[in-house]
Every structure is written in structure tokens, then in C-alpha cells.
Amino acid sequence: MKNKHHIIALMAATVMLMAACEKTIDFTGEITDKKTPVMISLPEADSTWTVRLTNSRFFLSSDPITTIDNAIFSLEVNGQQMGNYATNLGKGMYQMGYIPRSGDTITLGVTIPDRGELKAGCRIPSRPVISDITFDWDTTTSLYIFDEDTIKDTYGDVTCKFILSDPGDEKNYYMIRLASRSNSYNDTNLPWGAWSYRYLTIDDNVLFNQNIANEIIEIGEAENEGTNILFTDERINGKRHQISFTLYYHDGVLNQYRLELYSLSHDSYYFYKSRKTAESQDDFTGIFAEPVQIYSNVDGGIGVLGGISSLKLILNEISDQE
């Protein structure tokens, strides 16, 4: 970590030196009004399926993104043509009339009058399988006097562990999220009881590269941390693997946590991964990095159609049973 700070300082000094002799370079490329249709849809098994359609925007423009509200849909599920039951919700949002199921292979066509057709396909993955959820409590108790009453304060770390059973002979993609409900001690800008995603770190030498050289030069967010953590089964294919992470416990706050584990299709995984990389580039890293291109699998336009299956668990309901 000390070496990492030295490298950052050296890079910062280099930036200041370059700034002393910087020259403004005007953009001389062609600015066009032609817009490309953009489709974003991440259908989840056993959930309402929505599609968002917008127009692309020139990257230097500050104009608002415009939506597409006159699209016509065609849907094929497992090789069978389905009826068009899409509902236009307005502002570029459409609700499909089909609830996807695990194992479905979906092909979606979108015709935009006078603009052509978009087409994309994906497979809805099977729901992830986990077991053996346990909690290791490392608590601290302190006493203090408040208005002549003795108050006991209990707090500390809780390590949550579970076993992920990965199916063999196939490529699997995963994402982990941790959500919590807002309360009077955090998220004062959110309504009471609203769910929001928490920053999470998973220290796992098997799932993630623990390369010291990469750690020294890495400036952006590491792959094993963030509000969504992505990994594949490359190193655990067909095996049972224990995953653990640490929560903070304070007077029963554990009942605010919800663990979310997702199985992703190839397309949804690379969409989330490229978006996370783009979001983690701050102004400093942006000086040295090329712009990140968001993954796309839409023919005739840009965007993504990627499948998801999820498992969501309220952690206090499990810990209370121990």
C-alpha cells in the first residue's frame, strides 16, 4: 500500500508537469444528428419483464436523452412465436406480456417505424444454489451512564458464510449484492424502510486474483469490492465453494440486511462488468485510461438483452434460527 501511494504521488506530479505546458486541442470530428436506437433489458426469472428504448446521444452533447415510444415488438420463446402483449408505459418503457422462466431462450425483435429493426437474444439462467449459511459473532459490550441510567451497548462484526454449489460442465456467471433498510442512523435522505445497496468486500483468494503487482498500480475499484461484485465459476467449476463477508452489528441492525445472489447470462454479466468498470473510472484515472465501451449484443442498434435469476435472503430471519 505504501508503494501504491508513492506511485500515485508520482503520477500526480506528472499530471501537474504536463498541465504547465498543456495545449487546448479542439474537437475536429464530425458532429451528426443521426441517432442510434438503444435497448436495455435485463429480464429476470419469475419477475415482470420491462424493456427501455431510447435514442443515443453524441458524447459531447448536454441535450436530454430522448425516448422511443412507438415501437412494435415480436417475441420468440424456446423457438415458439409468442403473441405481442407488450404494454407501452411511456417515457420509453415497455412491459412485456410474458414472465420469463429459468431455462427460457428468448429472442426479441423491436420494429421502430421508419428506423428499422432491433434484434437480440439471451437465455435465462437457473437460480443459484446455496446452503450452510452460518454467522460468526465477534461482539463488544460497553456500559455508559445516560441520565443516571446504565446503558449497555453491544456492537461488533458478524462474518456471514455460505456454500455456493456450482453446476459442472457449463460456464456460470454470478453477482452478489448486499442491501439494507434505511433507518434513523443511516440514509437520512431515504424513506424509512427503503432498501439501498451497501458497499461490500469479499476477500477470496480463489474467486479473485490477489496479485500484489496489480494491487500496487491499481487506482480504481477492485473486482472483489463495490455495491455489486461479479465473478465466474472459472476456478470453482462443478464444486462447492464457501463465500464469506463481514457485516457490522449494532443493537440488532443485522435484521436490516438482505443478501442477493444472482446467476447471470453471458450477456448480462459482461454488461454489468463493463458498466462497473466505466463507473469506477474517476477523474484521475480517466486521465490515463481509454473510455470504456459498454457491452452490447443488440443487432441494428446498441444495448443489451441479458437474462438473470436471483436468490434473495433476509439475513436476520436465518440468524435468528441458529
C-alpha atoms as a PDB file:
ATOM      1  CA  MET A   1       0.000   0.000   0.000  1.00  0.00           C
ATOM      2  CA  LYS A   2       2.896   2.356   0.750  1.00  0.00           C
ATOM      3  CA  ASN A   3       4.342   1.738  -2.712  1.00  0.00           C
ATOM      4  CA  LYS A   4       0.924   2.353  -4.231  1.00  0.00           C
ATOM      5  CA  HIS A   5       0.796   5.778  -2.603  1.00  0.00           C
ATOM      6  CA  HIS A   6       4.263   6.573  -3.974  1.00  0.00           C
ATOM      7  CA  ILE A   7       3.180   5.672  -7.489  1.00  0.00           C
ATOM      8  CA  ILE A   8       0.018   7.783  -7.199  1.00  0.00           C
ATOM      9  CA  ALA A   9       2.095  10.729  -5.983  1.00  0.00           C
ATOM     10  CA  LEU A  10       4.494  10.285  -8.898  1.00  0.00           C
ATOM     11  CA  MET A  11       1.628  10.166 -11.370  1.00  0.00           C
ATOM     12  CA  ALA A  12       0.058  13.267  -9.816  1.00  0.00           C
ATOM     13  CA  ALA A  13       3.355  15.121 -10.165  1.00  0.00           C
ATOM     14  CA  THR A  14       3.492  14.081 -13.804  1.00  0.00           C
ATOM     15  CA  VAL A  15      -0.007  15.461 -14.361  1.00  0.00           C
ATOM     16  CA  MET A  16       0.973  18.827 -12.830  1.00  0.00           C
ATOM     17  CA  LEU A  17       4.078  18.957 -15.015  1.00  0.00           C
ATOM     18  CA  MET A  18       2.021  18.258 -18.112  1.00  0.00           C
ATOM     19  CA  ALA A  19      -0.535  20.876 -17.053  1.00  0.00           C
ATOM     20  CA  ALA A  20       2.186  23.521 -17.048  1.00  0.00           C
ATOM     21  CA  CYS A  21       2.589  23.134 -20.809  1.00  0.00           C
ATOM     22  CA  GLU A  22      -0.901  21.929 -21.749  1.00  0.00           C
ATOM     23  CA  LYS A  23      -2.444  22.945 -25.045  1.00  0.00           C
ATOM     24  CA  THR A  24      -6.147  23.012 -25.841  1.00  0.00           C
ATOM     25  CA  ILE A  25      -6.986  20.715 -28.737  1.00  0.00           C
ATOM     26  CA  ASP A  26     -10.318  21.457 -30.415  1.00  0.00           C
ATOM     27  CA  PHE A  27     -12.579  18.594 -31.464  1.00  0.00           C
ATOM     28  CA  THR A  28     -12.475  18.411 -35.275  1.00  0.00           C
ATOM     29  CA  GLY A  29     -14.600  15.304 -35.824  1.00  0.00           C
ATOM     30  CA  GLU A  30     -17.993  15.250 -37.452  1.00  0.00           C
ATOM     31  CA  ILE A  31     -21.000  16.057 -35.264  1.00  0.00           C
ATOM     32  CA  THR A  32     -24.082  14.297 -36.593  1.00  0.00           C
ATOM     33  CA  ASP A  33     -27.748  14.456 -35.654  1.00  0.00           C
ATOM     34  CA  LYS A  34     -28.226  10.784 -36.597  1.00  0.00           C
ATOM     35  CA  LYS A  35     -29.286   8.845 -33.530  1.00  0.00           C
ATOM     36  CA  THR A  36     -28.916   5.117 -32.916  1.00  0.00           C
ATOM     37  CA  PRO A  37     -31.681   3.197 -31.112  1.00  0.00           C
ATOM     38  CA  VAL A  38     -30.657   1.942 -27.666  1.00  0.00           C
ATOM     39  CA  MET A  39     -32.369  -1.020 -25.975  1.00  0.00           C
ATOM     40  CA  ILE A  40     -31.739  -2.025 -22.348  1.00  0.00           C
ATOM     41  CA  SER A  41     -33.480  -5.081 -20.941  1.00  0.00           C
ATOM     42  CA  LEU A  42     -32.412  -7.499 -18.210  1.00  0.00           C
ATOM     43  CA  PRO A  43     -35.320  -9.959 -17.822  1.00  0.00           C
ATOM     44  CA  GLU A  44     -35.324 -11.841 -14.516  1.00  0.00           C
ATOM     45  CA  ALA A  45     -36.870 -15.256 -13.954  1.00  0.00           C
ATOM     46  CA  ASP A  46     -40.366 -15.153 -12.429  1.00  0.00           C
ATOM     47  CA  SER A  47     -40.479 -11.349 -12.494  1.00  0.00           C
ATOM     48  CA  THR A  48     -42.178  -8.653 -14.558  1.00  0.00           C
ATOM     49  CA  TRP A  49     -40.149  -8.033 -17.700  1.00  0.00           C
ATOM     50  CA  THR A  50     -39.532  -4.468 -18.895  1.00  0.00           C
ATOM     51  CA  VAL A  51     -37.688  -3.022 -21.901  1.00  0.00           C
ATOM     52  CA  ARG A  52     -36.367   0.541 -22.176  1.00  0.00           C
ATOM     53  CA  LEU A  53     -35.897   2.176 -25.599  1.00  0.00           C
ATOM     54  CA  THR A  54     -34.078   5.467 -26.096  1.00  0.00           C
ATOM     55  CA  ASN A  55     -32.029   7.270 -28.723  1.00  0.00           C
ATOM     56  CA  SER A  56     -28.267   7.585 -28.495  1.00  0.00           C
ATOM     57  CA  ARG A  57     -26.713  10.971 -27.801  1.00  0.00           C
ATOM     58  CA  PHE A  58     -23.448  12.490 -29.025  1.00  0.00           C
ATOM     59  CA  PHE A  59     -20.959  12.083 -26.185  1.00  0.00           C
ATOM     60  CA  LEU A  60     -20.120  15.806 -26.017  1.00  0.00           C
ATOM     61  CA  SER A  61     -23.777  16.851 -26.064  1.00  0.00           C
ATOM     62  CA  SER A  62     -25.682  18.028 -22.994  1.00  0.00           C
ATOM     63  CA  ASP A  63     -29.090  17.571 -24.623  1.00  0.00           C
ATOM     64  CA  PRO A  64     -31.552  15.324 -22.760  1.00  0.00           C
ATOM     65  CA  ILE A  65     -31.795  11.704 -23.867  1.00  0.00           C
ATOM     66  CA  THR A  66     -34.902  11.188 -25.989  1.00  0.00           C
ATOM     67  CA  THR A  67     -37.106   8.100 -25.748  1.00  0.00           C
ATOM     68  CA  ILE A  68     -38.776   5.844 -28.324  1.00  0.00           C
ATOM     69  CA  ASP A  69     -42.499   5.395 -27.707  1.00  0.00           C
ATOM     70  CA  ASN A  70     -43.825   3.889 -30.959  1.00  0.00           C
ATOM     71  CA  ALA A  71     -42.074   0.510 -31.049  1.00  0.00           C
ATOM     72  CA  ILE A  72     -43.669  -2.765 -32.160  1.00  0.00           C
ATOM     73  CA  PHE A  73     -42.447  -5.999 -30.530  1.00  0.00           C
ATOM     74  CA  SER A  74     -42.121  -9.611 -31.634  1.00  0.00           C
ATOM     75  CA  LEU A  75     -41.134 -12.344 -29.184  1.00  0.00           C
ATOM     76  CA  GLU A  76     -39.934 -15.904 -29.558  1.00  0.00           C
ATOM     77  CA  VAL A  77     -39.541 -18.188 -26.531  1.00  0.00           C
ATOM     78  CA  ASN A  78     -37.849 -21.576 -26.887  1.00  0.00           C
ATOM     79  CA  GLY A  79     -38.390 -21.462 -30.648  1.00  0.00           C
ATOM     80  CA  GLN A  80     -42.110 -20.706 -30.352  1.00  0.00           C
ATOM     81  CA  GLN A  81     -43.568 -17.435 -31.618  1.00  0.00           C
ATOM     82  CA  MET A  82     -45.479 -15.586 -28.883  1.00  0.00           C
ATOM     83  CA  GLY A  83     -48.239 -13.005 -29.178  1.00  0.00           C
ATOM     84  CA  ASN A  84     -47.430  -9.309 -28.886  1.00  0.00           C
ATOM     85  CA  TYR A  85     -48.709  -8.376 -25.426  1.00  0.00           C
ATOM     86  CA  ALA A  86     -46.296  -5.511 -24.736  1.00  0.00           C
ATOM     87  CA  THR A  87     -47.734  -2.509 -22.898  1.00  0.00           C
ATOM     88  CA  ASN A  88     -46.367   0.989 -23.540  1.00  0.00           C
ATOM     89  CA  LEU A  89     -45.765   2.564 -20.121  1.00  0.00           C
ATOM     90  CA  GLY A  90     -44.485   5.850 -21.587  1.00  0.00           C
ATOM     91  CA  LYS A  91     -41.080   7.524 -21.467  1.00  0.00           C
ATOM     92  CA  GLY A  92     -39.509   4.704 -23.453  1.00  0.00           C
ATOM     93  CA  MET A  93     -40.575   1.977 -21.013  1.00  0.00           C
ATOM     94  CA  TYR A  94     -42.466  -1.131 -22.160  1.00  0.00           C
ATOM     95  CA  GLN A  95     -43.790  -4.010 -20.095  1.00  0.00           C
ATOM     96  CA  MET A  96     -43.711  -7.322 -21.876  1.00  0.00           C
ATOM     97  CA  GLY A  97     -46.697  -9.632 -21.546  1.00  0.00           C
ATOM     98  CA  TYR A  98     -44.561 -12.650 -20.726  1.00  0.00           C
ATOM     99  CA  ILE A  99     -42.993 -13.678 -17.397  1.00  0.00           C
ATOM    100  CA  PRO A 100     -39.650 -15.383 -18.186  1.00  0.00           C
ATOM    101  CA  ARG A 101     -38.684 -18.659 -16.522  1.00  0.00           C
ATOM    102  CA  SER A 102     -35.312 -20.251 -15.796  1.00  0.00           C
ATOM    103  CA  GLY A 103     -34.097 -22.127 -18.862  1.00  0.00           C
ATOM    104  CA  ASP A 104     -36.028 -19.991 -21.367  1.00  0.00           C
ATOM    105  CA  THR A 105     -34.244 -18.991 -24.560  1.00  0.00           C
ATOM    106  CA  ILE A 106     -35.633 -15.613 -25.633  1.00  0.00           C
ATOM    107  CA  THR A 107     -35.355 -13.813 -28.958  1.00  0.00           C
ATOM    108  CA  LEU A 108     -36.756 -10.283 -29.006  1.00  0.00           C
ATOM    109  CA  GLY A 109     -37.419  -8.204 -32.117  1.00  0.00           C
ATOM    110  CA  VAL A 110     -38.250  -4.493 -31.946  1.00  0.00           C
ATOM    111  CA  THR A 111     -39.501  -2.652 -35.011  1.00  0.00           C
ATOM    112  CA  ILE A 112     -39.262   1.137 -34.903  1.00  0.00           C
ATOM    113  CA  PRO A 113     -41.301   2.748 -37.720  1.00  0.00           C
ATOM    114  CA  ASP A 114     -39.072   4.370 -40.361  1.00  0.00           C
ATOM    115  CA  ARG A 115     -35.994   3.349 -38.345  1.00  0.00           C
ATOM    116  CA  GLY A 116     -35.625  -0.384 -38.883  1.00  0.00           C
ATOM    117  CA  GLU A 117     -35.483  -3.356 -36.506  1.00  0.00           C
ATOM    118  CA  LEU A 118     -33.504  -4.263 -33.389  1.00  0.00           C
ATOM    119  CA  LYS A 119     -32.910  -7.908 -32.519  1.00  0.00           C
ATOM    120  CA  ALA A 120     -31.268  -9.664 -29.584  1.00  0.00           C
ATOM    121  CA  GLY A 121     -31.434 -12.968 -27.757  1.00  0.00           C
ATOM    122  CA  CYS A 122     -30.472 -14.462 -24.400  1.00  0.00           C
ATOM    123  CA  ARG A 123     -31.047 -17.430 -22.124  1.00  0.00           C
ATOM    124  CA  ILE A 124     -32.487 -17.096 -18.624  1.00  0.00           C
ATOM    125  CA  PRO A 125     -30.066 -18.935 -16.290  1.00  0.00           C
ATOM    126  CA  SER A 126     -31.019 -21.265 -13.454  1.00  0.00           C
ATOM    127  CA  ARG A 127     -31.349 -19.844  -9.948  1.00  0.00           C
ATOM    128  CA  PRO A 128     -28.112 -20.110  -7.883  1.00  0.00           C
ATOM    129  CA  VAL A 129     -27.940 -22.836  -5.245  1.00  0.00           C
ATOM    130  CA  ILE A 130     -26.540 -22.040  -1.787  1.00  0.00           C
ATOM    131  CA  SER A 131     -26.571 -23.847   1.568  1.00  0.00           C
ATOM    132  CA  ASP A 132     -24.937 -23.996   5.021  1.00  0.00           C
ATOM    133  CA  ILE A 133     -25.435 -20.325   5.923  1.00  0.00           C
ATOM    134  CA  THR A 134     -23.701 -19.542   9.224  1.00  0.00           C
ATOM    135  CA  PHE A 135     -22.829 -16.459  11.287  1.00  0.00           C
ATOM    136  CA  ASP A 136     -19.723 -15.891  13.420  1.00  0.00           C
ATOM    137  CA  TRP A 137     -20.327 -13.146  16.001  1.00  0.00           C
ATOM    138  CA  ASP A 138     -17.428 -11.045  17.282  1.00  0.00           C
ATOM    139  CA  THR A 139     -19.153  -8.634  19.632  1.00  0.00           C
ATOM    140  CA  THR A 140     -18.004  -5.993  22.069  1.00  0.00           C
ATOM    141  CA  THR A 141     -20.087  -4.795  25.019  1.00  0.00           C
ATOM    142  CA  SER A 142     -19.668  -1.432  26.690  1.00  0.00           C
ATOM    143  CA  LEU A 143     -21.531   0.316  29.510  1.00  0.00           C
ATOM    144  CA  TYR A 144     -22.114   4.039  29.866  1.00  0.00           C
ATOM    145  CA  ILE A 145     -24.259   6.346  32.012  1.00  0.00           C
ATOM    146  CA  PHE A 146     -27.019   8.394  30.384  1.00  0.00           C
ATOM    147  CA  ASP A 147     -29.361  10.443  32.619  1.00  0.00           C
ATOM    148  CA  GLU A 148     -28.326   8.305  35.595  1.00  0.00           C
ATOM    149  CA  ASP A 149     -29.300   5.109  33.737  1.00  0.00           C
ATOM    150  CA  THR A 150     -26.742   2.465  32.861  1.00  0.00           C
ATOM    151  CA  ILE A 151     -26.913   1.732  29.152  1.00  0.00           C
ATOM    152  CA  LYS A 152     -25.426  -1.426  27.628  1.00  0.00           C
ATOM    153  CA  ASP A 153     -24.172  -1.023  24.080  1.00  0.00           C
ATOM    154  CA  THR A 154     -23.439  -4.159  22.033  1.00  0.00           C
ATOM    155  CA  TYR A 155     -21.634  -3.913  18.717  1.00  0.00           C
ATOM    156  CA  GLY A 156     -19.044  -5.667  16.590  1.00  0.00           C
ATOM    157  CA  ASP A 157     -18.505  -7.653  13.400  1.00  0.00           C
ATOM    158  CA  VAL A 158     -20.551 -10.568  12.080  1.00  0.00           C
ATOM    159  CA  THR A 159     -18.997 -12.848   9.463  1.00  0.00           C
ATOM    160  CA  CYS A 160     -21.645 -14.388   7.224  1.00  0.00           C
ATOM    161  CA  LYS A 161     -20.648 -17.602   5.411  1.00  0.00           C
ATOM    162  CA  PHE A 162     -22.472 -19.730   2.849  1.00  0.00           C
ATOM    163  CA  ILE A 163     -21.720 -22.526   0.387  1.00  0.00           C
ATOM    164  CA  LEU A 164     -22.270 -21.897  -3.338  1.00  0.00           C
ATOM    165  CA  SER A 165     -22.843 -25.116  -5.318  1.00  0.00           C
ATOM    166  CA  ASP A 166     -21.731 -24.510  -8.892  1.00  0.00           C
ATOM    167  CA  PRO A 167     -23.106 -26.759 -11.679  1.00  0.00           C
ATOM    168  CA  GLY A 168     -20.361 -28.528 -13.638  1.00  0.00           C
ATOM    169  CA  ASP A 169     -19.756 -28.714 -17.386  1.00  0.00           C
ATOM    170  CA  GLU A 170     -21.111 -25.243 -18.083  1.00  0.00           C
ATOM    171  CA  LYS A 171     -19.925 -21.642 -17.827  1.00  0.00           C
ATOM    172  CA  ASN A 172     -21.655 -19.803 -14.993  1.00  0.00           C
ATOM    173  CA  TYR A 173     -21.624 -16.124 -14.083  1.00  0.00           C
ATOM    174  CA  TYR A 174     -22.556 -14.622 -10.714  1.00  0.00           C
ATOM    175  CA  MET A 175     -23.193 -11.310  -8.966  1.00  0.00           C
ATOM    176  CA  ILE A 176     -23.502 -10.613  -5.226  1.00  0.00           C
ATOM    177  CA  ARG A 177     -25.236  -7.603  -3.675  1.00  0.00           C
ATOM    178  CA  LEU A 178     -25.954  -6.622  -0.087  1.00  0.00           C
ATOM    179  CA  ALA A 179     -28.959  -4.393   0.630  1.00  0.00           C
ATOM    180  CA  SER A 180     -30.127  -2.822   3.874  1.00  0.00           C
ATOM    181  CA  ARG A 181     -33.154  -0.875   5.026  1.00  0.00           C
ATOM    182  CA  SER A 182     -32.790   2.787   5.857  1.00  0.00           C
ATOM    183  CA  ASN A 183     -33.263   3.838   9.482  1.00  0.00           C
ATOM    184  CA  SER A 184     -32.665   6.852  11.701  1.00  0.00           C
ATOM    185  CA  TYR A 185     -28.926   6.126  11.858  1.00  0.00           C
ATOM    186  CA  ASN A 186     -28.221   5.984   8.134  1.00  0.00           C
ATOM    187  CA  ASP A 187     -29.698   7.000   4.797  1.00  0.00           C
ATOM    188  CA  THR A 188     -31.445  10.058   6.219  1.00  0.00           C
ATOM    189  CA  ASN A 189     -32.309  11.071   2.645  1.00  0.00           C
ATOM    190  CA  LEU A 190     -34.256   7.844   2.022  1.00  0.00           C
ATOM    191  CA  PRO A 191     -37.777   6.988   3.218  1.00  0.00           C
ATOM    192  CA  TRP A 192     -37.899   4.866   6.353  1.00  0.00           C
ATOM    193  CA  GLY A 193     -37.601   1.194   5.425  1.00  0.00           C
ATOM    194  CA  ALA A 194     -36.390   1.755   1.845  1.00  0.00           C
ATOM    195  CA  TRP A 195     -33.802  -0.715   0.536  1.00  0.00           C
ATOM    196  CA  SER A 196     -30.430   0.537  -0.694  1.00  0.00           C
ATOM    197  CA  TYR A 197     -27.270  -1.294  -1.740  1.00  0.00           C
ATOM    198  CA  ARG A 198     -24.223  -1.346   0.524  1.00  0.00           C
ATOM    199  CA  TYR A 199     -20.533  -1.314  -0.297  1.00  0.00           C
ATOM    200  CA  LEU A 200     -19.232  -4.842   0.167  1.00  0.00           C
ATOM    201  CA  THR A 201     -15.814  -6.520   0.193  1.00  0.00           C
ATOM    202  CA  ILE A 202     -15.244 -10.260  -0.301  1.00  0.00           C
ATOM    203  CA  ASP A 203     -11.723 -11.469   0.461  1.00  0.00           C
ATOM    204  CA  ASP A 204     -11.407 -14.702  -1.503  1.00  0.00           C
ATOM    205  CA  ASN A 205      -8.112 -15.902  -2.969  1.00  0.00           C
ATOM    206  CA  VAL A 206      -9.888 -18.444  -5.161  1.00  0.00           C
ATOM    207  CA  LEU A 207     -12.557 -16.318  -6.829  1.00  0.00           C
ATOM    208  CA  PHE A 208     -10.441 -13.197  -7.275  1.00  0.00           C
ATOM    209  CA  ASN A 209      -6.872 -12.532  -8.332  1.00  0.00           C
ATOM    210  CA  GLN A 210      -4.704 -11.475  -5.394  1.00  0.00           C
ATOM    211  CA  ASN A 211      -1.807 -10.160  -7.460  1.00  0.00           C
ATOM    212  CA  ILE A 212       0.465  -7.850  -5.433  1.00  0.00           C
ATOM    213  CA  ALA A 213       1.755  -6.100  -8.536  1.00  0.00           C
ATOM    214  CA  ASN A 214      -1.784  -5.341  -9.691  1.00  0.00           C
ATOM    215  CA  GLU A 215      -2.696  -4.089  -6.219  1.00  0.00           C
ATOM    216  CA  ILE A 216       0.207  -1.641  -6.248  1.00  0.00           C
ATOM    217  CA  ILE A 217      -0.722   0.013  -9.530  1.00  0.00           C
ATOM    218  CA  GLU A 218      -4.499  -0.298  -9.189  1.00  0.00           C
ATOM    219  CA  ILE A 219      -6.252   3.008  -8.678  1.00  0.00           C
ATOM    220  CA  GLY A 220      -9.877   2.156  -9.473  1.00  0.00           C
ATOM    221  CA  GLU A 221     -12.233  -0.156  -7.626  1.00  0.00           C
ATOM    222  CA  ALA A 222     -11.014  -3.741  -7.120  1.00  0.00           C
ATOM    223  CA  GLU A 223     -13.035  -6.616  -8.569  1.00  0.00           C
ATOM    224  CA  ASN A 224     -13.812  -8.026  -5.101  1.00  0.00           C
ATOM    225  CA  GLU A 225     -15.469  -4.869  -3.767  1.00  0.00           C
ATOM    226  CA  GLY A 226     -18.294  -2.497  -4.563  1.00  0.00           C
ATOM    227  CA  THR A 227     -22.080  -2.370  -4.475  1.00  0.00           C
ATOM    228  CA  ASN A 228     -22.138  -5.297  -6.892  1.00  0.00           C
ATOM    229  CA  ILE A 229     -19.431  -7.964  -7.028  1.00  0.00           C
ATOM    230  CA  LEU A 230     -19.076 -10.053 -10.181  1.00  0.00           C
ATOM    231  CA  PHE A 231     -17.277 -13.358 -10.654  1.00  0.00           C
ATOM    232  CA  THR A 232     -17.353 -16.515 -12.770  1.00  0.00           C
ATOM    233  CA  ASP A 233     -17.017 -20.205 -11.959  1.00  0.00           C
ATOM    234  CA  GLU A 234     -13.678 -20.437 -13.762  1.00  0.00           C
ATOM    235  CA  ARG A 235     -11.897 -21.669 -10.595  1.00  0.00           C
ATOM    236  CA  ILE A 236     -14.782 -23.460  -8.884  1.00  0.00           C
ATOM    237  CA  ASN A 237     -16.480 -25.211 -11.813  1.00  0.00           C
ATOM    238  CA  GLY A 238     -18.684 -28.027 -10.532  1.00  0.00           C
ATOM    239  CA  LYS A 239     -17.528 -27.553  -6.937  1.00  0.00           C
ATOM    240  CA  ARG A 240     -18.958 -26.398  -3.609  1.00  0.00           C
ATOM    241  CA  HIS A 241     -17.212 -23.204  -2.536  1.00  0.00           C
ATOM    242  CA  GLN A 242     -17.566 -21.232   0.697  1.00  0.00           C
ATOM    243  CA  ILE A 243     -18.004 -17.452   0.375  1.00  0.00           C
ATOM    244  CA  SER A 244     -17.823 -15.105   3.347  1.00  0.00           C
ATOM    245  CA  PHE A 245     -18.169 -11.395   4.045  1.00  0.00           C
ATOM    246  CA  THR A 246     -18.320  -9.182   7.126  1.00  0.00           C
ATOM    247  CA  LEU A 247     -21.255  -7.155   8.427  1.00  0.00           C
ATOM    248  CA  TYR A 248     -21.350  -4.621  11.227  1.00  0.00           C
ATOM    249  CA  TYR A 249     -23.649  -5.409  14.154  1.00  0.00           C
ATOM    250  CA  HIS A 250     -25.050  -2.722  16.451  1.00  0.00           C
ATOM    251  CA  ASP A 251     -28.111  -3.264  18.632  1.00  0.00           C
ATOM    252  CA  GLY A 252     -29.882  -5.606  16.225  1.00  0.00           C
ATOM    253  CA  VAL A 253     -29.047  -3.823  12.964  1.00  0.00           C
ATOM    254  CA  LEU A 254     -28.431  -7.226  11.350  1.00  0.00           C
ATOM    255  CA  ASN A 255     -32.151  -7.523  10.646  1.00  0.00           C
ATOM    256  CA  GLN A 256     -31.716  -4.672   8.152  1.00  0.00           C
ATOM    257  CA  TYR A 257     -29.625  -6.779   5.755  1.00  0.00           C
ATOM    258  CA  ARG A 258     -30.696  -8.673   2.621  1.00  0.00           C
ATOM    259  CA  LEU A 259     -28.262 -10.905   0.715  1.00  0.00           C
ATOM    260  CA  GLU A 260     -28.849 -11.079  -3.034  1.00  0.00           C
ATOM    261  CA  LEU A 261     -27.095 -13.695  -5.184  1.00  0.00           C
ATOM    262  CA  TYR A 262     -27.645 -13.645  -8.955  1.00  0.00           C
ATOM    263  CA  SER A 263     -26.962 -16.078 -11.767  1.00  0.00           C
ATOM    264  CA  LEU A 264     -26.300 -14.058 -14.922  1.00  0.00           C
ATOM    265  CA  SER A 265     -26.295 -14.922 -18.595  1.00  0.00           C
ATOM    266  CA  HIS A 266     -23.093 -14.264 -20.555  1.00  0.00           C
ATOM    267  CA  ASP A 267     -24.544 -11.005 -21.895  1.00  0.00           C
ATOM    268  CA  SER A 268     -25.850  -9.601 -18.610  1.00  0.00           C
ATOM    269  CA  TYR A 269     -22.524 -10.444 -16.896  1.00  0.00           C
ATOM    270  CA  TYR A 270     -20.417  -8.525 -19.424  1.00  0.00           C
ATOM    271  CA  PHE A 271     -22.899  -5.644 -19.459  1.00  0.00           C
ATOM    272  CA  TYR A 272     -22.660  -5.267 -15.659  1.00  0.00           C
ATOM    273  CA  LYS A 273     -18.895  -5.742 -15.749  1.00  0.00           C
ATOM    274  CA  SER A 274     -18.253  -3.093 -18.413  1.00  0.00           C
ATOM    275  CA  ARG A 275     -20.647  -0.665 -16.708  1.00  0.00           C
ATOM    276  CA  LYS A 276     -18.919  -1.182 -13.360  1.00  0.00           C
ATOM    277  CA  THR A 277     -15.533  -0.524 -14.968  1.00  0.00           C
ATOM    278  CA  ALA A 278     -16.834   2.668 -16.551  1.00  0.00           C
ATOM    279  CA  GLU A 279     -18.357   3.891 -13.274  1.00  0.00           C
ATOM    280  CA  SER A 280     -15.170   3.209 -11.296  1.00  0.00           C
ATOM    281  CA  GLN A 281     -13.085   5.492 -13.520  1.00  0.00           C
ATOM    282  CA  ASP A 282     -12.847   8.758 -11.620  1.00  0.00           C
ATOM    283  CA  ASP A 283     -11.405  11.995 -12.967  1.00  0.00           C
ATOM    284  CA  PHE A 284      -7.873  10.957 -12.026  1.00  0.00           C
ATOM    285  CA  THR A 285      -7.877   7.526 -13.649  1.00  0.00           C
ATOM    286  CA  GLY A 286      -9.694   8.981 -16.640  1.00  0.00           C
ATOM    287  CA  ILE A 287      -6.540  10.933 -17.477  1.00  0.00           C
ATOM    288  CA  PHE A 288      -4.659   7.716 -18.160  1.00  0.00           C
ATOM    289  CA  ALA A 289      -7.423   5.375 -19.344  1.00  0.00           C
ATOM    290  CA  GLU A 290      -9.219   4.999 -22.634  1.00  0.00           C
ATOM    291  CA  PRO A 291     -13.013   5.390 -22.427  1.00  0.00           C
ATOM    292  CA  VAL A 292     -14.737   2.117 -21.528  1.00  0.00           C
ATOM    293  CA  GLN A 293     -17.183   0.807 -24.109  1.00  0.00           C
ATOM    294  CA  ILE A 294     -20.316  -0.677 -22.567  1.00  0.00           C
ATOM    295  CA  TYR A 295     -21.013  -4.238 -23.711  1.00  0.00           C
ATOM    296  CA  SER A 296     -23.706  -4.591 -26.397  1.00  0.00           C
ATOM    297  CA  ASN A 297     -25.420  -7.578 -28.059  1.00  0.00           C
ATOM    298  CA  VAL A 298     -28.224  -5.769 -29.940  1.00  0.00           C
ATOM    299  CA  ASP A 299     -28.243  -6.088 -33.739  1.00  0.00           C
ATOM    300  CA  GLY A 300     -29.449  -2.976 -35.544  1.00  0.00           C
ATOM    301  CA  GLY A 301     -28.667  -0.730 -32.598  1.00  0.00           C
ATOM    302  CA  ILE A 302     -26.846  -0.766 -29.285  1.00  0.00           C
ATOM    303  CA  GLY A 303     -27.713  -2.020 -25.812  1.00  0.00           C
ATOM    304  CA  VAL A 304     -28.204  -5.350 -24.104  1.00  0.00           C
ATOM    305  CA  LEU A 305     -30.699  -8.165 -23.635  1.00  0.00           C
ATOM    306  CA  GLY A 306     -29.393 -10.353 -20.800  1.00  0.00           C
ATOM    307  CA  GLY A 307     -31.014 -12.897 -18.508  1.00  0.00           C
ATOM    308  CA  ILE A 308     -30.976 -13.040 -14.703  1.00  0.00           C
ATOM    309  CA  SER A 309     -32.120 -15.419 -11.962  1.00  0.00           C
ATOM    310  CA  SER A 310     -31.818 -14.398  -8.319  1.00  0.00           C
ATOM    311  CA  LEU A 311     -31.923 -15.686  -4.772  1.00  0.00           C
ATOM    312  CA  LYS A 312     -32.702 -13.086  -2.067  1.00  0.00           C
ATOM    313  CA  LEU A 313     -32.453 -13.833   1.649  1.00  0.00           C
ATOM    314  CA  ILE A 314     -33.272 -11.698   4.690  1.00  0.00           C
ATOM    315  CA  LEU A 315     -30.284 -12.464   6.925  1.00  0.00           C
ATOM    316  CA  ASN A 316     -31.894 -11.861  10.310  1.00  0.00           C
ATOM    317  CA  GLU A 317     -34.532 -14.498   9.580  1.00  0.00           C
ATOM    318  CA  ILE A 318     -31.722 -17.031   9.163  1.00  0.00           C
ATOM    319  CA  SER A 319     -29.521 -15.853  12.061  1.00  0.00           C
ATOM    320  CA  ASP A 320     -32.478 -15.996  14.485  1.00  0.00           C
ATOM    321  CA  GLN A 321     -32.785 -19.718  13.781  1.00  0.00           C
ATOM    322  CA  GLU A 322     -29.211 -20.512  14.869  1.00  0.00           C
END
